Every structure is written in structure tokens, then in C-alpha cells.
């Protein structure tokens, strides 16, 4: 048993673990949200025909300005003139290799901001439907928090226990972000977990009883829980969502994928080291 416990504790998960919501909505969102592909494509084709274009300047000089404009409009609903002082400051940090000064980049940033503003204004999404979608994901995150805590309680290896607790905290933080968005949309956050989550919790208890609380069983169960989460997040992204909500759901989906792949890798490694569990 001593040798088994030592082997369990030697399983070292990667140092960095993706969170369901690694970056909250706010000032850092522009750095985390990928630029919409259609915006980049549009400006790459149109920039040379804009009235502010400086002859001979490559697209790489203008792209940081466009990106600053459209990502800022995605996270802020202010008018361009009121936020220009902060954009001028941000330009010095986000210009990358652009040779443009802020006065030269400003018209491009404004144009991208206005184009995105028009897209947001034209986007008509049913708030009640989005609230239902977010509440479904909120239930899934709460299920995940419960499931990971249950796995942490039953596991034997210290490193796995710490990993499960970390993922439980990430699920709790993701639930908090979803809850805030539901309230922002005028909805009421759902209470409790889902039906699938109840089955998930019951499976943890039964598995622990029948299999002697083995780490292999806990790893299998935690991966299964992330499979359920992936299904729900992918379904959410297939529905009509506002740009802000879609960015939040996509970031959390990326975190679920990273967690799933990490747990699968640790599970497979553990199974090869402990084939009899």
C-alpha cells in the first residue's frame, strides 16, 4: 500500500490548468477574445480604399488599430469620443510593430469601432432564450464543482486531490461569471444543479462504494463529467447569442476542453501505471 500511495503522489499534473473562465468580462476581455475572422478579412480587403489610408502602408500597420477598435466595442458600450483618451494610451501598448502614431491610427480604430457598433445594434437576440442557455451552463458548472469536490474527497493521491480541488474552484468561478451575466440580462440565476448532475453525484457515490475509492475510478468519473459539460457548451454555442455572451461561453468552452484533455492524459498515464485498479 505504501508503494501504491507513493506512485499515486508521483502523478504530477501540468503546472498550468485552463479555467472555464480564465479571464472575466472587463478590461482584460479584449486581450482574451479572438478577433472575429470576418472583421479581419473585411479590413484586410478594404483598408487601402479608406480615406485615411497612407499610401504604401501595409495592412500590418493598420491591423492593430482595427483590432483595438472592434475589441473595445465588444466590451464597452460607450461612444468612441468618450473612450478615445484611454484608447490612445492602449495604443502604445498594443500597436505591436505598427509604424502609425495614434493620430494616424485613430481613424482606423474609429472605423472598426463604428462597424462593430452597427453589428451589435443590428443583432437581435431573445434575452429570455439566452438566460435559459446560461442557466443550463450554470447548472453544469455547479455539478462540476460538486463532482470535483467529491472526487477530491475519495481520491488517495495528494496531487490528484489538489487537482480536483483546483478544478472545483474553477467551476465555482465560472458559475459566478455565468450568474452575473444572467442578472445583467434581467434574469434570475437558477438554483441547484441539473438532472444529469444528480446522476453524476450518484455515480460518484456508487463508484466509490463498489470500487474502493480508487483514483482510477475518480479519474474516469471526472472525465465523464467533463464530457457532459462539453456537450452542453457546444450546444450553447450553436444557439443565437449576443457577441458578449458568445465570447464568455467560448472562453469557458476552451477551459472545459483543456481540463478534459488534461484529465484524460492523467487517467491514461495512471491506468498504465496501475493496470489492476
C-alpha atoms as a PDB file:
ATOM      1  CA  UNK A   1       0.000   0.000   0.000  1.00  0.00           C
ATOM      2  CA  UNK A   2       2.869   2.375   0.790  1.00  0.00           C
ATOM      3  CA  UNK A   3       4.308   1.804  -2.673  1.00  0.00           C
ATOM      4  CA  UNK A   4       0.882   2.401  -4.258  1.00  0.00           C
ATOM      5  CA  UNK A   5       0.420   5.668  -2.348  1.00  0.00           C
ATOM      6  CA  UNK A   6       3.870   6.839  -3.392  1.00  0.00           C
ATOM      7  CA  UNK A   7       3.048   6.062  -7.023  1.00  0.00           C
ATOM      8  CA  UNK A   8      -0.208   7.979  -6.688  1.00  0.00           C
ATOM      9  CA  UNK A   9       1.566  11.032  -5.309  1.00  0.00           C
ATOM     10  CA  UNK A  10       4.150  10.947  -8.076  1.00  0.00           C
ATOM     11  CA  UNK A  11       1.493  11.746 -10.695  1.00  0.00           C
ATOM     12  CA  UNK A  12       2.183  15.402 -11.343  1.00  0.00           C
ATOM     13  CA  UNK A  13      -0.392  17.334 -13.357  1.00  0.00           C
ATOM     14  CA  UNK A  14       0.822  20.162 -15.589  1.00  0.00           C
ATOM     15  CA  UNK A  15       1.630  23.427 -13.840  1.00  0.00           C
ATOM     16  CA  UNK A  16      -0.925  25.381 -15.833  1.00  0.00           C
ATOM     17  CA  UNK A  17      -4.570  24.385 -15.855  1.00  0.00           C
ATOM     18  CA  UNK A  18      -7.129  26.166 -18.010  1.00  0.00           C
ATOM     19  CA  UNK A  19     -10.115  27.591 -16.177  1.00  0.00           C
ATOM     20  CA  UNK A  20     -13.629  27.588 -17.552  1.00  0.00           C
ATOM     21  CA  UNK A  21     -13.493  31.358 -17.289  1.00  0.00           C
ATOM     22  CA  UNK A  22      -9.850  32.259 -17.179  1.00  0.00           C
ATOM     23  CA  UNK A  23     -10.484  35.945 -17.953  1.00  0.00           C
ATOM     24  CA  UNK A  24     -13.638  37.664 -16.697  1.00  0.00           C
ATOM     25  CA  UNK A  25     -15.650  40.172 -18.647  1.00  0.00           C
ATOM     26  CA  UNK A  26     -13.976  43.523 -18.145  1.00  0.00           C
ATOM     27  CA  UNK A  27     -10.848  45.432 -19.029  1.00  0.00           C
ATOM     28  CA  UNK A  28      -8.871  42.313 -19.947  1.00  0.00           C
ATOM     29  CA  UNK A  29     -11.520  40.849 -22.238  1.00  0.00           C
ATOM     30  CA  UNK A  30     -10.129  42.436 -25.405  1.00  0.00           C
ATOM     31  CA  UNK A  31      -6.814  40.653 -24.929  1.00  0.00           C
ATOM     32  CA  UNK A  32      -8.533  37.303 -24.424  1.00  0.00           C
ATOM     33  CA  UNK A  33     -11.269  37.434 -27.063  1.00  0.00           C
ATOM     34  CA  UNK A  34     -10.019  36.359 -30.504  1.00  0.00           C
ATOM     35  CA  UNK A  35     -10.622  38.867 -33.277  1.00  0.00           C
ATOM     36  CA  UNK A  36     -13.690  37.928 -35.343  1.00  0.00           C
ATOM     37  CA  UNK A  37     -12.381  36.378 -38.538  1.00  0.00           C
ATOM     38  CA  UNK A  38     -14.842  38.276 -40.686  1.00  0.00           C
ATOM     39  CA  UNK A  39     -13.683  41.632 -39.262  1.00  0.00           C
ATOM     40  CA  UNK A  40     -10.042  40.894 -40.018  1.00  0.00           C
ATOM     41  CA  UNK A  41     -10.932  39.694 -43.513  1.00  0.00           C
ATOM     42  CA  UNK A  42     -13.102  42.748 -44.167  1.00  0.00           C
ATOM     43  CA  UNK A  43     -10.473  45.282 -43.160  1.00  0.00           C
ATOM     44  CA  UNK A  44      -7.653  43.448 -44.918  1.00  0.00           C
ATOM     45  CA  UNK A  45      -9.582  43.853 -48.173  1.00  0.00           C
ATOM     46  CA  UNK A  46     -10.922  47.356 -47.511  1.00  0.00           C
ATOM     47  CA  UNK A  47      -8.160  49.264 -45.704  1.00  0.00           C
ATOM     48  CA  UNK A  48      -6.335  50.541 -48.800  1.00  0.00           C
ATOM     49  CA  UNK A  49      -9.520  52.213 -50.028  1.00  0.00           C
ATOM     50  CA  UNK A  50     -10.202  54.117 -46.811  1.00  0.00           C
ATOM     51  CA  UNK A  51      -9.798  57.930 -46.868  1.00  0.00           C
ATOM     52  CA  UNK A  52      -7.254  57.861 -44.016  1.00  0.00           C
ATOM     53  CA  UNK A  53      -5.011  55.299 -45.733  1.00  0.00           C
ATOM     54  CA  UNK A  54      -1.379  56.364 -46.099  1.00  0.00           C
ATOM     55  CA  UNK A  55      -0.047  55.272 -49.470  1.00  0.00           C
ATOM     56  CA  UNK A  56       2.440  52.443 -49.254  1.00  0.00           C
ATOM     57  CA  UNK A  57       1.467  51.388 -45.733  1.00  0.00           C
ATOM     58  CA  UNK A  58       0.974  47.610 -45.319  1.00  0.00           C
ATOM     59  CA  UNK A  59      -2.061  46.110 -43.618  1.00  0.00           C
ATOM     60  CA  UNK A  60       0.143  45.150 -40.658  1.00  0.00           C
ATOM     61  CA  UNK A  61       0.398  48.854 -39.776  1.00  0.00           C
ATOM     62  CA  UNK A  62      -3.384  49.198 -39.590  1.00  0.00           C
ATOM     63  CA  UNK A  63      -4.465  45.842 -38.183  1.00  0.00           C
ATOM     64  CA  UNK A  64      -3.637  46.685 -34.514  1.00  0.00           C
ATOM     65  CA  UNK A  65      -5.741  49.845 -34.811  1.00  0.00           C
ATOM     66  CA  UNK A  66      -8.684  47.953 -36.288  1.00  0.00           C
ATOM     67  CA  UNK A  67      -8.401  45.280 -33.624  1.00  0.00           C
ATOM     68  CA  UNK A  68      -8.253  47.895 -30.866  1.00  0.00           C
ATOM     69  CA  UNK A  69     -11.440  49.433 -32.243  1.00  0.00           C
ATOM     70  CA  UNK A  70     -13.537  46.304 -32.659  1.00  0.00           C
ATOM     71  CA  UNK A  71     -12.440  44.569 -29.434  1.00  0.00           C
ATOM     72  CA  UNK A  72     -13.105  47.738 -27.424  1.00  0.00           C
ATOM     73  CA  UNK A  73     -16.637  47.981 -28.830  1.00  0.00           C
ATOM     74  CA  UNK A  74     -17.241  44.337 -27.927  1.00  0.00           C
ATOM     75  CA  UNK A  75     -16.576  45.009 -24.248  1.00  0.00           C
ATOM     76  CA  UNK A  76     -17.729  48.627 -23.881  1.00  0.00           C
ATOM     77  CA  UNK A  77     -20.933  50.372 -24.906  1.00  0.00           C
ATOM     78  CA  UNK A  78     -19.602  53.937 -24.615  1.00  0.00           C
ATOM     79  CA  UNK A  79     -19.277  56.296 -27.550  1.00  0.00           C
ATOM     80  CA  UNK A  80     -15.892  56.429 -29.250  1.00  0.00           C
ATOM     81  CA  UNK A  81     -15.055  60.030 -28.342  1.00  0.00           C
ATOM     82  CA  UNK A  82     -15.527  59.415 -24.620  1.00  0.00           C
ATOM     83  CA  UNK A  83     -13.099  56.498 -24.566  1.00  0.00           C
ATOM     84  CA  UNK A  84     -10.532  57.892 -27.001  1.00  0.00           C
ATOM     85  CA  UNK A  85      -8.112  59.044 -24.259  1.00  0.00           C
ATOM     86  CA  UNK A  86      -7.874  55.518 -22.907  1.00  0.00           C
ATOM     87  CA  UNK A  87      -7.528  54.136 -26.434  1.00  0.00           C
ATOM     88  CA  UNK A  88      -4.634  56.492 -27.102  1.00  0.00           C
ATOM     89  CA  UNK A  89      -2.936  55.078 -24.020  1.00  0.00           C
ATOM     90  CA  UNK A  90      -3.745  51.495 -25.012  1.00  0.00           C
ATOM     91  CA  UNK A  91      -2.370  52.083 -28.499  1.00  0.00           C
ATOM     92  CA  UNK A  92       1.172  52.478 -27.196  1.00  0.00           C
ATOM     93  CA  UNK A  93       0.916  49.047 -25.570  1.00  0.00           C
ATOM     94  CA  UNK A  94      -0.995  47.222 -28.319  1.00  0.00           C
ATOM     95  CA  UNK A  95       0.446  48.700 -31.521  1.00  0.00           C
ATOM     96  CA  UNK A  96       2.786  45.734 -31.951  1.00  0.00           C
ATOM     97  CA  UNK A  97       5.033  46.605 -34.916  1.00  0.00           C
ATOM     98  CA  UNK A  98       2.763  49.248 -36.407  1.00  0.00           C
ATOM     99  CA  UNK A  99       4.592  52.377 -37.502  1.00  0.00           C
ATOM    100  CA  UNK A 100       1.490  54.556 -37.125  1.00  0.00           C
ATOM    101  CA  UNK A 101       1.232  57.238 -34.465  1.00  0.00           C
ATOM    102  CA  UNK A 102      -2.060  57.444 -32.576  1.00  0.00           C
ATOM    103  CA  UNK A 103      -3.320  60.407 -34.699  1.00  0.00           C
ATOM    104  CA  UNK A 104      -2.662  58.257 -37.769  1.00  0.00           C
ATOM    105  CA  UNK A 105      -4.202  55.129 -36.222  1.00  0.00           C
ATOM    106  CA  UNK A 106      -7.226  56.867 -34.682  1.00  0.00           C
ATOM    107  CA  UNK A 107      -9.376  56.962 -37.866  1.00  0.00           C
ATOM    108  CA  UNK A 108      -8.859  53.224 -38.399  1.00  0.00           C
ATOM    109  CA  UNK A 109      -9.753  52.416 -34.795  1.00  0.00           C
ATOM    110  CA  UNK A 110     -12.848  54.612 -35.065  1.00  0.00           C
ATOM    111  CA  UNK A 111     -13.905  52.942 -38.319  1.00  0.00           C
ATOM    112  CA  UNK A 112     -13.591  49.469 -36.811  1.00  0.00           C
ATOM    113  CA  UNK A 113     -15.404  50.599 -33.663  1.00  0.00           C
ATOM    114  CA  UNK A 114     -18.290  52.032 -35.709  1.00  0.00           C
ATOM    115  CA  UNK A 115     -18.567  48.931 -37.894  1.00  0.00           C
ATOM    116  CA  UNK A 116     -18.740  46.681 -34.825  1.00  0.00           C
ATOM    117  CA  UNK A 117     -21.188  49.072 -33.172  1.00  0.00           C
ATOM    118  CA  UNK A 118     -23.501  48.724 -36.163  1.00  0.00           C
ATOM    119  CA  UNK A 119     -23.251  44.923 -35.997  1.00  0.00           C
ATOM    120  CA  UNK A 120     -24.109  44.909 -32.300  1.00  0.00           C
ATOM    121  CA  UNK A 121     -27.009  47.294 -32.813  1.00  0.00           C
ATOM    122  CA  UNK A 122     -28.459  45.114 -35.581  1.00  0.00           C
ATOM    123  CA  UNK A 123     -28.079  41.923 -33.587  1.00  0.00           C
ATOM    124  CA  UNK A 124     -31.482  40.898 -32.253  1.00  0.00           C
ATOM    125  CA  UNK A 125     -31.291  38.077 -29.726  1.00  0.00           C
ATOM    126  CA  UNK A 126     -34.031  36.873 -27.402  1.00  0.00           C
ATOM    127  CA  UNK A 127     -32.811  37.626 -23.882  1.00  0.00           C
ATOM    128  CA  UNK A 128     -35.065  35.000 -22.334  1.00  0.00           C
ATOM    129  CA  UNK A 129     -33.571  32.307 -24.561  1.00  0.00           C
ATOM    130  CA  UNK A 130     -30.029  33.384 -23.661  1.00  0.00           C
ATOM    131  CA  UNK A 131     -30.927  33.370 -19.973  1.00  0.00           C
ATOM    132  CA  UNK A 132     -32.137  29.780 -20.304  1.00  0.00           C
ATOM    133  CA  UNK A 133     -28.902  28.797 -22.052  1.00  0.00           C
ATOM    134  CA  UNK A 134     -26.745  30.499 -19.431  1.00  0.00           C
ATOM    135  CA  UNK A 135     -28.726  28.919 -16.611  1.00  0.00           C
ATOM    136  CA  UNK A 136     -28.184  25.496 -18.164  1.00  0.00           C
ATOM    137  CA  UNK A 137     -24.424  26.122 -18.157  1.00  0.00           C
ATOM    138  CA  UNK A 138     -24.681  27.476 -14.631  1.00  0.00           C
ATOM    139  CA  UNK A 139     -26.180  24.154 -13.515  1.00  0.00           C
ATOM    140  CA  UNK A 140     -23.402  22.278 -15.311  1.00  0.00           C
ATOM    141  CA  UNK A 141     -20.732  24.336 -13.545  1.00  0.00           C
ATOM    142  CA  UNK A 142     -22.323  23.684 -10.170  1.00  0.00           C
ATOM    143  CA  UNK A 143     -22.480  19.989 -10.994  1.00  0.00           C
ATOM    144  CA  UNK A 144     -18.805  20.134 -11.880  1.00  0.00           C
ATOM    145  CA  UNK A 145     -17.916  21.836  -8.622  1.00  0.00           C
ATOM    146  CA  UNK A 146     -19.770  19.152  -6.671  1.00  0.00           C
ATOM    147  CA  UNK A 147     -18.306  16.331  -8.746  1.00  0.00           C
ATOM    148  CA  UNK A 148     -14.704  17.506  -8.485  1.00  0.00           C
ATOM    149  CA  UNK A 149     -15.048  18.043  -4.746  1.00  0.00           C
ATOM    150  CA  UNK A 150     -16.470  14.523  -4.422  1.00  0.00           C
ATOM    151  CA  UNK A 151     -13.548  13.109  -6.404  1.00  0.00           C
ATOM    152  CA  UNK A 152     -11.115  15.062  -4.233  1.00  0.00           C
ATOM    153  CA  UNK A 153     -12.726  13.594  -1.130  1.00  0.00           C
ATOM    154  CA  UNK A 154     -12.451   9.999  -2.376  1.00  0.00           C
ATOM    155  CA  UNK A 155      -9.056  10.070  -4.084  1.00  0.00           C
ATOM    156  CA  UNK A 156      -5.955   8.661  -2.402  1.00  0.00           C
ATOM    157  CA  UNK A 157      -3.192  10.647  -4.161  1.00  0.00           C
ATOM    158  CA  UNK A 158      -2.357  14.090  -2.807  1.00  0.00           C
ATOM    159  CA  UNK A 159      -1.510  15.555  -6.230  1.00  0.00           C
ATOM    160  CA  UNK A 160      -4.826  14.365  -7.673  1.00  0.00           C
ATOM    161  CA  UNK A 161      -6.691  15.683  -4.653  1.00  0.00           C
ATOM    162  CA  UNK A 162      -5.186  19.121  -5.207  1.00  0.00           C
ATOM    163  CA  UNK A 163      -6.001  18.966  -8.921  1.00  0.00           C
ATOM    164  CA  UNK A 164      -9.647  18.061  -8.286  1.00  0.00           C
ATOM    165  CA  UNK A 165      -9.965  20.859  -5.741  1.00  0.00           C
ATOM    166  CA  UNK A 166      -8.474  23.302  -8.219  1.00  0.00           C
ATOM    167  CA  UNK A 167     -10.991  22.300 -10.890  1.00  0.00           C
ATOM    168  CA  UNK A 168     -13.800  22.596  -8.329  1.00  0.00           C
ATOM    169  CA  UNK A 169     -12.754  26.196  -7.656  1.00  0.00           C
ATOM    170  CA  UNK A 170     -12.625  26.898 -11.385  1.00  0.00           C
ATOM    171  CA  UNK A 171     -16.168  25.568 -11.795  1.00  0.00           C
ATOM    172  CA  UNK A 172     -17.291  27.785  -8.923  1.00  0.00           C
ATOM    173  CA  UNK A 173     -15.674  30.853 -10.523  1.00  0.00           C
ATOM    174  CA  UNK A 174     -17.203  30.019 -13.909  1.00  0.00           C
ATOM    175  CA  UNK A 175     -20.614  29.699 -12.271  1.00  0.00           C
ATOM    176  CA  UNK A 176     -20.119  33.140 -10.767  1.00  0.00           C
ATOM    177  CA  UNK A 177     -19.406  34.669 -14.183  1.00  0.00           C
ATOM    178  CA  UNK A 178     -22.481  32.992 -15.676  1.00  0.00           C
ATOM    179  CA  UNK A 179     -24.650  34.118 -12.793  1.00  0.00           C
ATOM    180  CA  UNK A 180     -23.516  37.726 -13.252  1.00  0.00           C
ATOM    181  CA  UNK A 181     -24.376  37.563 -16.948  1.00  0.00           C
ATOM    182  CA  UNK A 182     -27.847  36.162 -16.235  1.00  0.00           C
ATOM    183  CA  UNK A 183     -28.523  39.046 -13.856  1.00  0.00           C
ATOM    184  CA  UNK A 184     -27.136  41.531 -16.391  1.00  0.00           C
ATOM    185  CA  UNK A 185     -29.676  40.240 -18.906  1.00  0.00           C
ATOM    186  CA  UNK A 186     -32.504  40.755 -16.419  1.00  0.00           C
ATOM    187  CA  UNK A 187     -32.905  37.094 -15.496  1.00  0.00           C
ATOM    188  CA  UNK A 188     -32.856  35.119 -12.279  1.00  0.00           C
ATOM    189  CA  UNK A 189     -29.993  32.650 -11.797  1.00  0.00           C
ATOM    190  CA  UNK A 190     -31.172  29.078 -11.389  1.00  0.00           C
ATOM    191  CA  UNK A 191     -30.603  27.394  -8.064  1.00  0.00           C
ATOM    192  CA  UNK A 192     -29.067  23.956  -7.644  1.00  0.00           C
ATOM    193  CA  UNK A 193     -27.727  21.539 -10.246  1.00  0.00           C
ATOM    194  CA  UNK A 194     -29.197  19.607 -13.141  1.00  0.00           C
ATOM    195  CA  UNK A 195     -30.732  16.173 -13.538  1.00  0.00           C
ATOM    196  CA  UNK A 196     -27.583  14.932 -15.218  1.00  0.00           C
ATOM    197  CA  UNK A 197     -25.658  16.422 -12.331  1.00  0.00           C
ATOM    198  CA  UNK A 198     -27.754  14.460  -9.844  1.00  0.00           C
ATOM    199  CA  UNK A 199     -26.858  11.287 -11.736  1.00  0.00           C
ATOM    200  CA  UNK A 200     -23.255  12.423 -11.772  1.00  0.00           C
ATOM    201  CA  UNK A 201     -23.275  12.803  -7.993  1.00  0.00           C
ATOM    202  CA  UNK A 202     -24.987   9.447  -7.510  1.00  0.00           C
ATOM    203  CA  UNK A 203     -22.445   7.761  -9.766  1.00  0.00           C
ATOM    204  CA  UNK A 204     -19.602   9.162  -7.649  1.00  0.00           C
ATOM    205  CA  UNK A 205     -21.114   7.660  -4.501  1.00  0.00           C
ATOM    206  CA  UNK A 206     -21.826   4.258  -6.076  1.00  0.00           C
ATOM    207  CA  UNK A 207     -18.437   4.108  -7.761  1.00  0.00           C
ATOM    208  CA  UNK A 208     -16.692   4.904  -4.508  1.00  0.00           C
ATOM    209  CA  UNK A 209     -18.576   2.142  -2.708  1.00  0.00           C
ATOM    210  CA  UNK A 210     -18.075  -0.568  -5.333  1.00  0.00           C
ATOM    211  CA  UNK A 211     -14.530   0.184  -6.346  1.00  0.00           C
ATOM    212  CA  UNK A 212     -12.962   1.101  -3.050  1.00  0.00           C
ATOM    213  CA  UNK A 213     -12.486   4.781  -3.851  1.00  0.00           C
ATOM    214  CA  UNK A 214      -9.690   4.097  -6.354  1.00  0.00           C
ATOM    215  CA  UNK A 215      -8.012   7.021  -8.049  1.00  0.00           C
ATOM    216  CA  UNK A 216      -8.658   5.378 -11.411  1.00  0.00           C
ATOM    217  CA  UNK A 217     -12.393   5.422 -10.713  1.00  0.00           C
ATOM    218  CA  UNK A 218     -12.260   9.102  -9.745  1.00  0.00           C
ATOM    219  CA  UNK A 219     -10.320   9.985 -12.903  1.00  0.00           C
ATOM    220  CA  UNK A 220     -12.801   8.070 -15.064  1.00  0.00           C
ATOM    221  CA  UNK A 221     -15.704   9.856 -13.396  1.00  0.00           C
ATOM    222  CA  UNK A 222     -14.169  13.323 -13.662  1.00  0.00           C
ATOM    223  CA  UNK A 223     -13.509  12.865 -17.390  1.00  0.00           C
ATOM    224  CA  UNK A 224     -17.104  11.691 -17.862  1.00  0.00           C
ATOM    225  CA  UNK A 225     -18.296  14.837 -16.118  1.00  0.00           C
ATOM    226  CA  UNK A 226     -16.274  16.996 -18.496  1.00  0.00           C
ATOM    227  CA  UNK A 227     -17.752  15.078 -21.449  1.00  0.00           C
ATOM    228  CA  UNK A 228     -21.195  16.155 -20.243  1.00  0.00           C
ATOM    229  CA  UNK A 229     -20.012  19.749 -19.866  1.00  0.00           C
ATOM    230  CA  UNK A 230     -18.561  19.771 -23.391  1.00  0.00           C
ATOM    231  CA  UNK A 231     -21.894  18.667 -24.845  1.00  0.00           C
ATOM    232  CA  UNK A 232     -23.754  21.478 -23.108  1.00  0.00           C
ATOM    233  CA  UNK A 233     -21.236  24.186 -24.047  1.00  0.00           C
ATOM    234  CA  UNK A 234     -21.150  23.106 -27.694  1.00  0.00           C
ATOM    235  CA  UNK A 235     -24.929  23.131 -27.812  1.00  0.00           C
ATOM    236  CA  UNK A 236     -24.956  26.623 -26.287  1.00  0.00           C
ATOM    237  CA  UNK A 237     -22.635  27.946 -28.989  1.00  0.00           C
ATOM    238  CA  UNK A 238     -24.911  26.539 -31.686  1.00  0.00           C
ATOM    239  CA  UNK A 239     -27.711  28.848 -30.480  1.00  0.00           C
ATOM    240  CA  UNK A 240     -28.255  32.580 -31.235  1.00  0.00           C
ATOM    241  CA  UNK A 241     -26.165  34.534 -28.707  1.00  0.00           C
ATOM    242  CA  UNK A 242     -25.098  38.139 -28.343  1.00  0.00           C
ATOM    243  CA  UNK A 243     -21.441  38.877 -29.001  1.00  0.00           C
ATOM    244  CA  UNK A 244     -20.740  39.369 -25.296  1.00  0.00           C
ATOM    245  CA  UNK A 245     -22.413  36.129 -24.240  1.00  0.00           C
ATOM    246  CA  UNK A 246     -20.808  34.183 -27.075  1.00  0.00           C
ATOM    247  CA  UNK A 247     -17.354  35.417 -26.034  1.00  0.00           C
ATOM    248  CA  UNK A 248     -17.988  34.296 -22.440  1.00  0.00           C
ATOM    249  CA  UNK A 249     -19.286  30.867 -23.462  1.00  0.00           C
ATOM    250  CA  UNK A 250     -16.402  30.337 -25.892  1.00  0.00           C
ATOM    251  CA  UNK A 251     -13.809  31.149 -23.229  1.00  0.00           C
ATOM    252  CA  UNK A 252     -15.424  28.729 -20.829  1.00  0.00           C
ATOM    253  CA  UNK A 253     -15.654  26.043 -23.510  1.00  0.00           C
ATOM    254  CA  UNK A 254     -11.928  26.435 -24.153  1.00  0.00           C
ATOM    255  CA  UNK A 255     -11.353  25.844 -20.444  1.00  0.00           C
ATOM    256  CA  UNK A 256     -13.537  22.726 -20.421  1.00  0.00           C
ATOM    257  CA  UNK A 257     -11.628  21.308 -23.404  1.00  0.00           C
ATOM    258  CA  UNK A 258      -8.282  21.931 -21.723  1.00  0.00           C
ATOM    259  CA  UNK A 259      -9.452  20.329 -18.480  1.00  0.00           C
ATOM    260  CA  UNK A 260     -10.885  17.331 -20.328  1.00  0.00           C
ATOM    261  CA  UNK A 261      -7.670  16.726 -22.251  1.00  0.00           C
ATOM    262  CA  UNK A 262      -5.584  17.112 -19.109  1.00  0.00           C
ATOM    263  CA  UNK A 263      -7.709  14.664 -17.119  1.00  0.00           C
ATOM    264  CA  UNK A 264      -7.702  12.179 -19.986  1.00  0.00           C
ATOM    265  CA  UNK A 265      -3.911  12.312 -20.160  1.00  0.00           C
ATOM    266  CA  UNK A 266      -3.517  11.777 -16.416  1.00  0.00           C
ATOM    267  CA  UNK A 267      -6.119   8.998 -16.480  1.00  0.00           C
ATOM    268  CA  UNK A 268      -4.302   7.130 -19.263  1.00  0.00           C
ATOM    269  CA  UNK A 269      -0.956   7.521 -17.528  1.00  0.00           C
ATOM    270  CA  UNK A 270      -2.414   6.310 -14.236  1.00  0.00           C
ATOM    271  CA  UNK A 271      -4.029   3.318 -15.931  1.00  0.00           C
ATOM    272  CA  UNK A 272      -0.710   2.269 -17.448  1.00  0.00           C
ATOM    273  CA  UNK A 273       0.973   2.529 -14.048  1.00  0.00           C
ATOM    274  CA  UNK A 274      -1.845   0.784 -12.143  1.00  0.00           C
ATOM    275  CA  UNK A 275      -3.462  -1.707 -14.566  1.00  0.00           C
ATOM    276  CA  UNK A 276      -5.224  -3.635 -11.761  1.00  0.00           C
ATOM    277  CA  UNK A 277      -7.316  -0.743 -10.439  1.00  0.00           C
END
